[in-house]
Amino acid sequence: MDKIKSIYIDILRIIAAFCVFLYHFGSLEIEGKHIFSFDSFEKITHLNYFSAHYFVILFFVLSGFLITMSASRPNVTLKSFLIARLGRLYSVLVPALFFSMLLAFVLVELQVFNATSIQNNTNIFQRIILNLTFLTQSWSLNATPPLNGPFWSVSYEFMYYLLIASFLLIKGRIRFLFLGFFVLVSGIKVMLLFPCWLMGSLLYYFFSKSKYLNATFSVLLFLISTIFLFYTIVGKIQLPFHKKDGDHEFFGTYLYFSWNYIADFIFSVLVTLNIYSFFGMSRLLIKFSKTNIFSNVQSVISTMSNCTFTLYLFHVPLLFLIYSITPYDNKNGFHQLGLILSVLVSVYFIAQKTEWKVLFWRNKIDILVSQINEKTNRIFYLLRKN
């Protein structure tokens, strides 16, 4: 992928991660009261539940594109693919998971908050296991850790990884056995958003074949899709969805974050068209990509992009931590700005020890997998020998 396309993907990731963070900053409540912002913050930023959720759908499309690209590379095996994906996810998920659990325990012990006022602060051991195995959202489960609701999407993502890997990296009819198994493990609500993720796979197909509209139509489609996306995110355009009794259930399964799946799919189509059209018009920016200004900007954006996963999984517990150890006034604009900047600076340094160390995690997982494989082979050898 050339520099122009790559930088646009990075910009979208930065915008999505920051806006999810800003939404939680302005919306999180304890006992019905906003903690970090004043009540009208949402009206100022135009970020509501739907806005934040649509940004997660944007992440799904980007993930579908990048992961399908990764699985489609020559010489990629199922083992190497899974090690790469687990290393990437665990590099941030494991530290964020235990940080959230520990922080919730400390805040309750120090009586900063009541145990009952912190959501998901029960069955801690089960939540740890389910988050480490990416089963938190299977069927009717919703087992995100305390102080960290954004964890829900990671389980969706990993199941999609397994599905695309089964389709692309397992040969023969047995792939359909694996596909069926992972669909059954995922459950209805995870599968309802799979088409959104697959829009990224479709985008990769056009990218790999270099099938684009001409530059003029690409610019026109980019402008139209950008306007539609912007007005949808700020609530000026409301995508079709149903709000009536029973809409949060589907064949007896409570949908949680997937209840608005019709609108989510429409939004994923808009995102895909936007990226596709930008790819088509990127040829107009080739000369600019060779300038020093572009190189400097790309370096900054790349660094920020490499912190987005850490920002996504660490921002909520960091908000609670900094809030609890400072004399914070949620009606003071300087305090609010200080809290936002403190989280962003903290994320930058945490990312250096988490997602920037992804090779460390991949090596550890590779060693673990090799040890398990060696012991398994030995067991089978002894069984055959006896």
Protein backbone atom coordinates (compact mmCIF):
# COMPACT_ATOMS: atom_id res chain seq x y z
CA MET A 1 0.00 0.00 0.00
CA ASP A 2 1.48 3.35 -1.04
CA LYS A 3 2.06 6.24 1.35
CA ILE A 4 -1.05 8.20 0.32
CA LYS A 5 -3.44 5.33 0.97
CA SER A 6 -1.63 4.34 4.15
CA ILE A 7 -1.80 7.82 5.67
CA TYR A 8 -5.55 8.03 5.02
CA ILE A 9 -6.11 4.72 6.81
CA ASP A 10 -4.04 6.07 9.72
CA ILE A 11 -6.00 9.32 9.83
CA LEU A 12 -9.30 7.43 10.00
CA ARG A 13 -7.99 5.28 12.86
CA ILE A 14 -6.87 8.36 14.79
CA ILE A 15 -10.19 10.15 14.32
CA ALA A 16 -12.18 7.07 15.33
CA ALA A 17 -10.14 6.31 18.46
CA PHE A 18 -10.08 9.95 19.61
CA CYS A 19 -13.82 10.45 19.08
CA VAL A 20 -14.68 7.26 21.01
CA PHE A 21 -12.46 8.59 23.82
CA LEU A 22 -14.11 12.02 23.67
CA TYR A 23 -17.58 10.45 23.73
CA HIS A 24 -16.81 8.48 26.88
CA PHE A 25 -15.24 11.56 28.45
CA GLY A 26 -18.50 13.43 27.93
CA SER A 27 -21.00 10.66 28.67
CA LEU A 28 -19.79 8.40 31.48
CA GLU A 29 -21.90 8.57 34.60
CA ILE A 30 -21.83 7.23 38.14
CA GLU A 31 -25.16 7.08 39.94
CA GLY A 32 -26.81 9.17 37.23
CA LYS A 33 -24.28 12.03 37.29
CA HIS A 34 -21.66 12.91 34.69
CA ILE A 35 -18.20 12.33 36.11
CA PHE A 36 -15.75 14.04 33.77
CA SER A 37 -17.82 16.71 31.95
CA PHE A 38 -20.82 18.95 32.34
CA ASP A 39 -24.27 17.87 31.13
CA SER A 40 -24.26 19.85 27.87
CA PHE A 41 -20.91 18.48 26.65
CA GLU A 42 -22.65 16.11 24.22
CA LYS A 43 -24.51 18.99 22.58
CA ILE A 44 -21.25 20.88 22.06
CA THR A 45 -19.32 17.96 20.54
CA HIS A 46 -22.31 16.33 18.76
CA LEU A 47 -20.96 12.97 19.92
CA ASN A 48 -23.60 10.59 21.21
CA TYR A 49 -23.99 6.83 21.54
CA PHE A 50 -24.66 6.39 17.83
CA SER A 51 -21.62 8.51 16.89
CA ALA A 52 -19.28 6.44 19.05
CA HIS A 53 -20.76 3.18 17.85
CA TYR A 54 -20.40 4.20 14.20
CA PHE A 55 -16.71 4.87 14.82
CA VAL A 56 -16.38 1.27 16.03
CA ILE A 57 -18.04 0.18 12.78
CA LEU A 58 -15.40 2.24 10.97
CA PHE A 59 -12.79 0.22 12.89
CA PHE A 60 -14.48 -2.98 11.69
CA VAL A 61 -14.24 -1.91 8.05
CA LEU A 62 -10.57 -0.95 8.44
CA SER A 63 -9.90 -4.22 10.22
CA GLY A 64 -11.64 -6.23 7.50
CA PHE A 65 -9.47 -4.54 4.88
CA LEU A 66 -6.14 -4.89 6.72
CA ILE A 67 -6.69 -8.40 8.11
CA THR A 68 -7.87 -9.74 4.74
CA MET A 69 -4.75 -8.20 3.23
CA SER A 70 -2.62 -9.89 5.88
CA ALA A 71 -4.26 -13.31 5.40
CA SER A 72 -3.93 -13.02 1.60
CA ARG A 73 -0.15 -12.57 1.56
CA PRO A 74 1.97 -15.34 0.03
CA ASN A 75 3.38 -17.95 2.40
CA VAL A 76 1.07 -16.96 5.27
CA THR A 77 0.02 -20.04 7.23
CA LEU A 78 -2.80 -20.41 9.72
CA LYS A 79 -0.25 -20.68 12.52
CA SER A 80 1.71 -17.56 11.53
CA PHE A 81 -1.51 -15.62 10.99
CA LEU A 82 -2.93 -16.48 14.42
CA ILE A 83 0.37 -15.78 16.17
CA ALA A 84 0.53 -12.37 14.50
CA ARG A 85 -3.07 -11.54 15.42
CA LEU A 86 -2.83 -12.80 19.00
CA GLY A 87 0.42 -10.91 19.50
CA ARG A 88 -1.18 -7.72 18.28
CA LEU A 89 -4.29 -8.11 20.44
CA TYR A 90 -2.63 -9.39 23.60
CA SER A 91 0.02 -6.66 23.53
CA VAL A 92 -2.67 -4.21 24.62
CA LEU A 93 -5.54 -6.40 25.82
CA VAL A 94 -3.68 -8.17 28.64
CA PRO A 95 -2.24 -4.99 30.27
CA ALA A 96 -5.55 -3.12 29.82
CA LEU A 97 -7.58 -6.00 31.22
CA PHE A 98 -5.59 -6.35 34.44
CA PHE A 99 -5.20 -2.58 34.81
CA SER A 100 -8.99 -2.19 34.66
CA MET A 101 -9.57 -5.02 37.14
CA LEU A 102 -6.98 -3.70 39.60
CA LEU A 103 -8.19 -0.11 39.34
CA ALA A 104 -11.80 -1.10 40.01
CA PHE A 105 -10.69 -3.05 43.10
CA VAL A 106 -8.61 -0.14 44.42
CA LEU A 107 -11.33 2.47 43.82
CA VAL A 108 -13.83 0.36 45.75
CA GLU A 109 -11.38 -0.41 48.58
CA LEU A 110 -10.52 3.28 48.94
CA GLN A 111 -14.26 4.07 48.86
CA VAL A 112 -13.91 6.42 45.90
CA PHE A 113 -16.93 4.60 44.42
CA ASN A 114 -19.35 2.04 45.75
CA ALA A 115 -18.91 -1.48 44.37
CA THR A 116 -22.49 -1.43 43.04
CA SER A 117 -21.92 1.83 41.12
CA ILE A 118 -19.15 0.32 38.95
CA GLN A 119 -20.62 -1.67 36.09
CA ASN A 120 -19.40 -5.22 35.39
CA ASN A 121 -17.65 -5.42 38.76
CA THR A 122 -18.82 -8.98 39.48
CA ASN A 123 -17.61 -12.50 38.64
CA ILE A 124 -14.12 -11.15 38.10
CA PHE A 125 -12.37 -14.48 37.52
CA GLN A 126 -14.91 -15.51 34.87
CA ARG A 127 -14.54 -12.14 33.15
CA ILE A 128 -10.75 -12.54 32.99
CA ILE A 129 -11.04 -15.97 31.36
CA LEU A 130 -13.72 -14.86 28.90
CA ASN A 131 -11.76 -11.77 27.86
CA LEU A 132 -8.52 -13.70 27.40
CA THR A 133 -10.34 -16.26 25.23
CA PHE A 134 -12.36 -13.61 23.33
CA LEU A 135 -15.68 -15.18 24.33
CA THR A 136 -17.14 -12.19 26.14
CA GLN A 137 -19.81 -11.56 23.52
CA SER A 138 -20.72 -15.11 22.48
CA TRP A 139 -24.48 -15.56 22.28
CA SER A 140 -26.08 -13.88 25.33
CA LEU A 141 -22.83 -13.10 27.13
CA ASN A 142 -21.68 -9.54 27.80
CA ALA A 143 -18.67 -9.96 30.05
CA THR A 144 -16.55 -6.86 29.52
CA PRO A 145 -14.26 -5.94 32.45
CA PRO A 146 -15.17 -3.23 34.98
CA LEU A 147 -14.39 0.33 33.87
CA ASN A 148 -13.79 -0.77 30.29
CA GLY A 149 -16.84 -1.16 28.09
CA PRO A 150 -14.86 -0.77 24.81
CA PHE A 151 -13.55 -4.31 25.31
CA TRP A 152 -16.74 -5.64 23.67
CA SER A 153 -15.51 -5.02 20.13
CA VAL A 154 -12.27 -6.97 20.60
CA SER A 155 -14.20 -10.23 20.95
CA TYR A 156 -16.11 -9.44 17.75
CA GLU A 157 -12.84 -8.70 15.96
CA PHE A 158 -11.14 -11.94 16.96
CA MET A 159 -14.08 -14.06 15.85
CA TYR A 160 -13.93 -12.33 12.48
CA TYR A 161 -10.20 -13.11 12.31
CA LEU A 162 -10.98 -16.79 12.84
CA LEU A 163 -13.66 -16.77 10.15
CA ILE A 164 -11.53 -15.09 7.48
CA ALA A 165 -8.54 -17.29 8.37
CA SER A 166 -10.70 -20.41 8.06
CA PHE A 167 -11.89 -19.33 4.63
CA LEU A 168 -8.53 -18.21 3.21
CA LEU A 169 -5.95 -20.36 4.97
CA ILE A 170 -7.61 -23.75 5.40
CA LYS A 171 -7.80 -25.81 2.24
CA GLY A 172 -10.49 -28.23 1.13
CA ARG A 173 -13.96 -28.87 2.43
CA ILE A 174 -12.80 -29.00 6.03
CA ARG A 175 -12.75 -25.20 5.98
CA PHE A 176 -16.56 -25.24 6.06
CA LEU A 177 -16.45 -27.35 9.22
CA PHE A 178 -14.27 -24.71 10.87
CA LEU A 179 -16.45 -21.90 9.53
CA GLY A 180 -19.56 -23.55 10.94
CA PHE A 181 -17.89 -24.16 14.29
CA PHE A 182 -16.76 -20.54 14.69
CA VAL A 183 -20.20 -19.26 13.64
CA LEU A 184 -21.76 -21.43 16.37
CA VAL A 185 -19.23 -20.20 18.94
CA SER A 186 -19.77 -16.55 17.96
CA GLY A 187 -23.54 -16.49 18.20
CA ILE A 188 -26.16 -14.30 16.60
CA LYS A 189 -25.14 -10.85 17.75
CA VAL A 190 -21.51 -11.21 16.67
CA MET A 191 -22.53 -12.54 13.26
CA LEU A 192 -25.02 -9.72 12.70
CA LEU A 193 -22.12 -7.25 12.41
CA PHE A 194 -19.90 -9.56 10.36
CA PRO A 195 -21.18 -8.03 7.07
CA CYS A 196 -19.80 -4.67 8.25
CA TRP A 197 -16.37 -6.26 8.69
CA LEU A 198 -16.68 -8.02 5.33
CA MET A 199 -17.11 -4.66 3.63
CA GLY A 200 -13.43 -4.18 4.42
CA SER A 201 -12.68 -7.52 2.75
CA LEU A 202 -14.61 -6.34 -0.30
CA LEU A 203 -12.58 -3.14 -0.29
CA TYR A 204 -9.40 -5.22 -0.26
CA TYR A 205 -10.63 -7.14 -3.31
CA PHE A 206 -10.94 -3.93 -5.35
CA PHE A 207 -7.64 -2.66 -3.92
CA SER A 208 -5.79 -5.87 -4.86
CA LYS A 209 -7.17 -5.73 -8.41
CA SER A 210 -6.58 -1.96 -8.71
CA LYS A 211 -10.20 -1.54 -9.78
CA TYR A 212 -11.07 2.12 -9.22
CA LEU A 213 -13.26 4.78 -10.74
CA ASN A 214 -11.55 7.48 -12.75
CA ALA A 215 -10.14 10.43 -10.83
CA THR A 216 -13.11 12.76 -11.45
CA PHE A 217 -15.75 10.29 -10.28
CA SER A 218 -13.53 9.28 -7.36
CA VAL A 219 -13.30 12.91 -6.16
CA LEU A 220 -17.06 13.33 -6.53
CA LEU A 221 -17.85 10.09 -4.66
CA PHE A 222 -15.34 11.00 -1.95
CA LEU A 223 -16.94 14.40 -1.34
CA ILE A 224 -20.49 12.97 -1.29
CA SER A 225 -19.62 10.07 1.02
CA THR A 226 -17.64 12.36 3.35
CA ILE A 227 -20.61 14.71 3.68
CA PHE A 228 -23.00 11.82 4.35
CA LEU A 229 -20.64 10.33 6.94
CA PHE A 230 -20.14 13.64 8.71
CA TYR A 231 -23.85 14.46 8.90
CA THR A 232 -24.61 10.93 10.07
CA ILE A 233 -22.03 11.09 12.86
CA VAL A 234 -23.22 14.48 14.15
CA GLY A 235 -26.85 13.30 14.04
CA LYS A 236 -28.12 15.46 11.18
CA ILE A 237 -28.90 12.35 9.12
CA GLN A 238 -30.54 9.41 10.86
CA LEU A 239 -29.95 6.06 9.23
CA PRO A 240 -32.96 3.71 9.10
CA PHE A 241 -33.29 1.57 12.19
CA HIS A 242 -36.16 0.39 14.37
CA LYS A 243 -36.80 1.62 17.89
CA LYS A 244 -39.65 -0.32 19.40
CA ASP A 245 -40.22 -3.02 21.98
CA GLY A 246 -38.30 -6.19 21.24
CA ASP A 247 -35.76 -4.66 18.87
CA HIS A 248 -32.94 -5.47 21.26
CA GLU A 249 -33.68 -9.17 20.90
CA PHE A 250 -33.21 -11.50 17.95
CA PHE A 251 -34.61 -15.02 18.21
CA GLY A 252 -34.39 -14.84 21.99
CA THR A 253 -30.82 -13.51 22.07
CA TYR A 254 -30.25 -10.06 23.57
CA LEU A 255 -28.21 -8.12 21.01
CA TYR A 256 -26.45 -5.56 23.23
CA PHE A 257 -24.12 -3.65 20.86
CA SER A 258 -25.53 -5.26 17.70
CA TRP A 259 -29.15 -4.18 18.02
CA ASN A 260 -28.77 -1.42 15.43
CA TYR A 261 -27.28 -3.77 12.82
CA ILE A 262 -29.25 -2.39 9.83
CA ALA A 263 -27.93 1.12 10.32
CA ASP A 264 -24.48 -0.27 11.12
CA PHE A 265 -24.34 -2.06 7.77
CA ILE A 266 -25.48 1.04 5.87
CA PHE A 267 -22.79 3.05 7.65
CA SER A 268 -20.15 0.43 6.78
CA VAL A 269 -21.14 0.75 3.11
CA LEU A 270 -20.66 4.54 3.32
CA VAL A 271 -17.25 4.09 4.96
CA THR A 272 -16.21 1.58 2.30
CA LEU A 273 -17.27 3.90 -0.52
CA ASN A 274 -15.38 6.75 1.13
CA ILE A 275 -12.12 4.80 1.40
CA TYR A 276 -12.58 3.26 -2.05
CA SER A 277 -13.07 6.68 -3.63
CA PHE A 278 -10.05 8.09 -1.79
CA PHE A 279 -7.94 5.23 -3.12
CA GLY A 280 -9.18 6.10 -6.60
CA MET A 281 -8.25 9.77 -6.30
CA SER A 282 -4.95 9.12 -4.48
CA ARG A 283 -3.11 9.14 -7.82
CA LEU A 284 -3.72 12.91 -7.89
CA LEU A 285 -1.59 13.27 -4.75
CA ILE A 286 1.46 11.29 -5.87
CA LYS A 287 3.62 14.40 -6.38
CA PHE A 288 2.70 15.75 -2.95
CA SER A 289 3.66 12.42 -1.34
CA LYS A 290 7.26 12.96 -2.48
CA THR A 291 7.69 16.27 -0.65
CA ASN A 292 9.44 16.79 2.70
CA ILE A 293 6.26 18.26 4.19
CA PHE A 294 4.38 15.06 3.46
CA SER A 295 7.17 12.91 4.95
CA ASN A 296 7.14 14.95 8.17
CA VAL A 297 3.36 14.85 8.44
CA GLN A 298 3.29 11.14 7.72
CA SER A 299 5.82 10.48 10.49
CA VAL A 300 3.67 12.29 13.05
CA ILE A 301 0.45 10.64 11.88
CA SER A 302 2.08 7.21 11.86
CA THR A 303 3.22 7.68 15.46
CA MET A 304 -0.26 8.76 16.53
CA SER A 305 -1.84 5.86 14.65
CA ASN A 306 0.43 3.42 16.47
CA CYS A 307 -1.17 4.56 19.74
CA THR A 308 -4.81 4.12 18.70
CA PHE A 309 -5.36 0.59 20.00
CA THR A 310 -3.85 1.58 23.35
CA LEU A 311 -6.03 4.69 23.44
CA TYR A 312 -9.10 2.59 22.69
CA LEU A 313 -8.56 0.05 25.47
CA PHE A 314 -6.93 2.28 28.09
CA HIS A 315 -8.82 5.58 27.92
CA VAL A 316 -11.72 4.73 30.24
CA PRO A 317 -9.67 3.33 33.16
CA LEU A 318 -7.16 6.18 32.72
CA LEU A 319 -10.00 8.70 33.00
CA PHE A 320 -11.10 7.11 36.26
CA LEU A 321 -7.55 6.89 37.62
CA ILE A 322 -6.58 10.50 36.93
CA TYR A 323 -9.98 11.72 38.14
CA SER A 324 -9.61 9.85 41.44
CA ILE A 325 -6.09 11.09 42.28
CA THR A 326 -6.58 14.77 41.40
CA PRO A 327 -8.86 17.52 42.77
CA TYR A 328 -10.97 17.40 39.63
CA ASP A 329 -13.90 19.73 38.93
CA ASN A 330 -15.98 18.57 35.95
CA LYS A 331 -17.35 22.08 35.44
CA ASN A 332 -13.90 23.63 35.10
CA GLY A 333 -12.78 23.88 31.48
CA PHE A 334 -9.09 23.87 32.39
CA HIS A 335 -9.57 20.73 34.47
CA GLN A 336 -11.35 19.06 31.58
CA LEU A 337 -8.62 19.99 29.10
CA GLY A 338 -5.99 18.84 31.59
CA LEU A 339 -7.71 15.49 32.02
CA ILE A 340 -7.97 14.93 28.25
CA LEU A 341 -4.32 15.84 27.69
CA SER A 342 -3.21 13.72 30.66
CA VAL A 343 -4.90 10.66 29.18
CA LEU A 344 -3.40 11.28 25.74
CA VAL A 345 0.12 11.74 27.13
CA SER A 346 -0.29 8.63 29.31
CA VAL A 347 -1.44 6.64 26.29
CA TYR A 348 1.63 7.69 24.31
CA PHE A 349 3.98 6.31 26.97
CA ILE A 350 1.87 3.20 27.60
CA ALA A 351 1.78 2.45 23.85
CA GLN A 352 5.58 2.29 23.86
CA LYS A 353 5.30 -0.66 26.26
CA THR A 354 2.24 -2.27 24.65
CA GLU A 355 1.46 -2.13 20.94
CA TRP A 356 4.95 -0.89 20.07
CA LYS A 357 6.26 -4.12 21.63
CA VAL A 358 4.08 -6.38 19.50
CA LEU A 359 7.08 -8.43 18.31
CA PHE A 360 7.84 -9.36 21.93
CA TRP A 361 4.32 -10.68 22.37
CA ARG A 362 4.39 -12.55 19.07
CA ASN A 363 7.66 -14.24 20.01
CA LYS A 364 6.25 -15.29 23.39
CA ILE A 365 3.12 -16.70 21.78
CA ASP A 366 5.19 -18.48 19.14
CA ILE A 367 7.28 -20.14 21.85
CA LEU A 368 4.14 -21.14 23.77
CA VAL A 369 2.50 -22.59 20.65
CA SER A 370 5.66 -24.52 19.80
CA GLN A 371 5.81 -25.98 23.33
CA ILE A 372 2.16 -27.01 23.20
CA ASN A 373 2.66 -28.54 19.75
CA GLU A 374 5.73 -30.46 20.95
CA LYS A 375 3.92 -31.84 23.99
CA THR A 376 0.88 -32.76 21.90
CA ASN A 377 3.02 -34.63 19.38
CA ARG A 378 4.77 -36.46 22.20
CA ILE A 379 1.43 -37.53 23.71
CA PHE A 380 0.25 -38.87 20.34
CA TYR A 381 3.56 -40.65 19.86
CA LEU A 382 3.25 -42.37 23.25
CA LEU A 383 -0.35 -43.33 22.56
CA ARG A 384 0.59 -44.90 19.21
CA LYS A 385 3.55 -46.67 20.79
CA ASN A 386 1.36 -48.23 23.48
